[in-house]
Amino acid sequence: IEYIRSYYYNKVEYARFSSSLGKFVGFTQYGLKQADYWNSDTSQLAQLNAQKETYCHNNIGIDYQAA
């Protein structure tokens, strides 16, 4: 299971948080700068990694029951 949070501007993805990497990745010049800034905040990274546990792991049983 992977938790992904993507950021878009004008239908172009400029940055993404991936729980498998545990950090932000930038795709545009602006996204690279933002990813560096966001990755320097360890409390935000910890919060997003905790959201994987809170959101994904609690709902995994519901998805498997529906399938």
N, C-alpha and C. Protein backbone atom coordinates (compact mmCIF):
# COMPACT_ATOMS: atom_id res chain seq x y z
N ILE A 1 0.85 -1.18 0.00
CA ILE A 1 0.00 0.00 0.00
C ILE A 1 0.88 1.23 0.00
N GLU A 2 0.50 2.18 -0.83
CA GLU A 2 1.28 3.42 -0.93
C GLU A 2 0.33 4.60 -0.84
N TYR A 3 0.69 5.55 -0.02
CA TYR A 3 -0.07 6.80 0.11
C TYR A 3 0.61 7.85 -0.76
N ILE A 4 -0.17 8.44 -1.69
CA ILE A 4 0.37 9.44 -2.61
C ILE A 4 -0.48 10.70 -2.50
N ARG A 5 0.19 11.84 -2.37
CA ARG A 5 -0.48 13.14 -2.41
C ARG A 5 0.19 13.95 -3.51
N SER A 6 -0.58 14.28 -4.54
CA SER A 6 -0.05 15.00 -5.68
C SER A 6 -0.53 16.44 -5.67
N TYR A 7 0.30 17.32 -6.21
CA TYR A 7 0.00 18.74 -6.31
C TYR A 7 0.04 19.14 -7.77
N TYR A 8 -1.05 19.80 -8.22
CA TYR A 8 -1.20 20.17 -9.62
C TYR A 8 -1.41 21.67 -9.76
N TYR A 9 -0.97 22.20 -10.89
CA TYR A 9 -1.27 23.57 -11.28
C TYR A 9 -1.48 23.56 -12.79
N ASN A 10 -2.62 24.05 -13.23
CA ASN A 10 -2.98 24.04 -14.66
C ASN A 10 -2.88 22.64 -15.26
N LYS A 11 -3.39 21.67 -14.54
CA LYS A 11 -3.44 20.27 -14.97
C LYS A 11 -2.06 19.62 -15.13
N VAL A 12 -1.02 20.23 -14.58
CA VAL A 12 0.33 19.67 -14.63
C VAL A 12 0.77 19.35 -13.21
N GLU A 13 1.16 18.12 -12.99
CA GLU A 13 1.64 17.71 -11.67
C GLU A 13 3.04 18.29 -11.46
N TYR A 14 3.19 19.09 -10.40
CA TYR A 14 4.49 19.69 -10.15
C TYR A 14 5.20 19.08 -8.96
N ALA A 15 4.50 18.39 -8.08
CA ALA A 15 5.14 17.75 -6.93
C ALA A 15 4.25 16.62 -6.43
N ARG A 16 4.89 15.67 -5.74
CA ARG A 16 4.16 14.52 -5.21
C ARG A 16 4.85 14.02 -3.95
N PHE A 17 4.04 13.65 -2.95
CA PHE A 17 4.55 12.95 -1.78
C PHE A 17 4.24 11.48 -1.97
N SER A 18 5.23 10.64 -1.78
CA SER A 18 5.07 9.21 -1.89
C SER A 18 5.50 8.57 -0.58
N SER A 19 4.62 7.77 0.02
CA SER A 19 4.96 7.14 1.29
C SER A 19 6.02 6.05 1.12
N SER A 20 6.14 5.48 -0.06
CA SER A 20 7.18 4.48 -0.27
C SER A 20 8.56 5.11 -0.27
N LEU A 21 8.67 6.35 -0.74
CA LEU A 21 9.93 7.08 -0.68
C LEU A 21 10.08 7.81 0.65
N GLY A 22 8.95 8.23 1.22
CA GLY A 22 8.97 8.97 2.47
C GLY A 22 9.37 10.42 2.32
N LYS A 23 9.20 10.94 1.10
CA LYS A 23 9.57 12.34 0.85
C LYS A 23 8.82 12.85 -0.36
N PHE A 24 8.97 14.16 -0.60
CA PHE A 24 8.38 14.81 -1.77
C PHE A 24 9.34 14.71 -2.95
N VAL A 25 8.75 14.63 -4.14
CA VAL A 25 9.52 14.61 -5.39
C VAL A 25 8.94 15.69 -6.29
N GLY A 26 9.79 16.50 -6.89
CA GLY A 26 9.35 17.56 -7.79
C GLY A 26 9.49 17.14 -9.24
N PHE A 27 8.58 17.63 -10.08
CA PHE A 27 8.59 17.28 -11.50
C PHE A 27 8.85 18.48 -12.40
N THR A 28 8.65 19.69 -11.88
CA THR A 28 8.93 20.91 -12.63
C THR A 28 9.98 21.71 -11.86
N GLN A 29 10.42 22.79 -12.44
CA GLN A 29 11.41 23.62 -11.76
C GLN A 29 10.84 24.15 -10.44
N TYR A 30 9.60 24.63 -10.48
CA TYR A 30 8.95 25.09 -9.25
C TYR A 30 8.74 23.94 -8.28
N GLY A 31 8.34 22.78 -8.80
CA GLY A 31 8.11 21.61 -7.96
C GLY A 31 9.37 21.13 -7.26
N LEU A 32 10.50 21.22 -7.93
CA LEU A 32 11.77 20.82 -7.31
C LEU A 32 12.10 21.72 -6.12
N LYS A 33 11.86 23.02 -6.27
CA LYS A 33 12.12 23.95 -5.17
C LYS A 33 11.17 23.69 -4.00
N GLN A 34 9.89 23.47 -4.32
CA GLN A 34 8.91 23.20 -3.28
C GLN A 34 9.23 21.88 -2.57
N ALA A 35 9.63 20.87 -3.32
CA ALA A 35 9.94 19.57 -2.72
C ALA A 35 11.12 19.70 -1.76
N ASP A 36 12.14 20.44 -2.15
CA ASP A 36 13.28 20.65 -1.25
C ASP A 36 12.84 21.34 0.03
N TYR A 37 11.98 22.35 -0.10
CA TYR A 37 11.49 23.08 1.06
C TYR A 37 10.66 22.17 1.96
N TRP A 38 9.72 21.42 1.36
CA TRP A 38 8.86 20.54 2.15
C TRP A 38 9.64 19.40 2.78
N ASN A 39 10.66 18.88 2.10
CA ASN A 39 11.45 17.79 2.66
C ASN A 39 12.30 18.25 3.84
N SER A 40 12.56 19.55 3.95
CA SER A 40 13.34 20.04 5.08
C SER A 40 12.52 20.09 6.37
N ASP A 41 11.20 19.98 6.26
CA ASP A 41 10.31 20.01 7.43
C ASP A 41 9.99 18.57 7.84
N THR A 42 10.75 18.05 8.81
CA THR A 42 10.59 16.65 9.21
C THR A 42 9.25 16.38 9.88
N SER A 43 8.66 17.39 10.52
CA SER A 43 7.37 17.16 11.16
C SER A 43 6.27 16.94 10.11
N GLN A 44 6.35 17.65 9.00
CA GLN A 44 5.37 17.45 7.93
C GLN A 44 5.53 16.07 7.30
N LEU A 45 6.76 15.63 7.11
CA LEU A 45 6.99 14.29 6.56
C LEU A 45 6.45 13.21 7.49
N ALA A 46 6.66 13.39 8.78
CA ALA A 46 6.15 12.42 9.76
C ALA A 46 4.62 12.40 9.75
N GLN A 47 4.01 13.56 9.62
CA GLN A 47 2.56 13.64 9.58
C GLN A 47 2.00 12.93 8.36
N LEU A 48 2.61 13.12 7.20
CA LEU A 48 2.13 12.47 5.99
C LEU A 48 2.35 10.96 6.03
N ASN A 49 3.45 10.52 6.62
CA ASN A 49 3.67 9.08 6.78
C ASN A 49 2.66 8.49 7.74
N ALA A 50 2.25 9.24 8.76
CA ALA A 50 1.24 8.76 9.70
C ALA A 50 -0.13 8.69 9.04
N GLN A 51 -0.39 9.54 8.05
CA GLN A 51 -1.66 9.50 7.35
C GLN A 51 -1.82 8.20 6.58
N LYS A 52 -0.74 7.60 6.16
CA LYS A 52 -0.82 6.29 5.51
C LYS A 52 -1.39 5.28 6.48
N GLU A 53 -0.90 5.29 7.71
CA GLU A 53 -1.40 4.37 8.73
C GLU A 53 -2.87 4.67 9.05
N THR A 54 -3.19 5.95 9.16
CA THR A 54 -4.54 6.35 9.56
C THR A 54 -5.56 6.08 8.46
N TYR A 55 -5.24 6.45 7.25
CA TYR A 55 -6.22 6.38 6.17
C TYR A 55 -6.18 5.04 5.43
N CYS A 56 -5.03 4.62 4.99
CA CYS A 56 -4.93 3.45 4.13
C CYS A 56 -5.15 2.14 4.89
N HIS A 57 -4.46 1.97 5.99
CA HIS A 57 -4.52 0.70 6.70
C HIS A 57 -5.88 0.46 7.34
N ASN A 58 -6.60 1.51 7.72
CA ASN A 58 -7.94 1.33 8.29
C ASN A 58 -8.96 0.96 7.23
N ASN A 59 -8.75 1.34 6.00
CA ASN A 59 -9.73 1.10 4.93
C ASN A 59 -9.37 -0.09 4.05
N ILE A 60 -8.27 -0.74 4.29
CA ILE A 60 -7.88 -1.84 3.41
C ILE A 60 -8.86 -3.01 3.49
N GLY A 61 -9.40 -3.27 4.66
CA GLY A 61 -10.37 -4.35 4.79
C GLY A 61 -11.65 -4.08 4.02
N ILE A 62 -12.08 -2.84 3.96
CA ILE A 62 -13.29 -2.46 3.22
C ILE A 62 -13.09 -2.71 1.74
N ASP A 63 -11.94 -2.35 1.20
CA ASP A 63 -11.67 -2.54 -0.23
C ASP A 63 -11.62 -4.02 -0.59
N TYR A 64 -11.01 -4.84 0.26
CA TYR A 64 -10.91 -6.26 -0.05
C TYR A 64 -12.27 -6.95 0.07
N GLN A 65 -13.14 -6.50 0.97
CA GLN A 65 -14.47 -7.07 1.10
C GLN A 65 -15.31 -6.75 -0.13
N ALA A 66 -15.15 -5.55 -0.68
CA ALA A 66 -15.92 -5.14 -1.85
C ALA A 66 -15.49 -5.91 -3.09
N ALA A 67 -14.23 -6.32 -3.14
CA ALA A 67 -13.75 -7.05 -4.32
C ALA A 67 -14.19 -8.48 -4.23
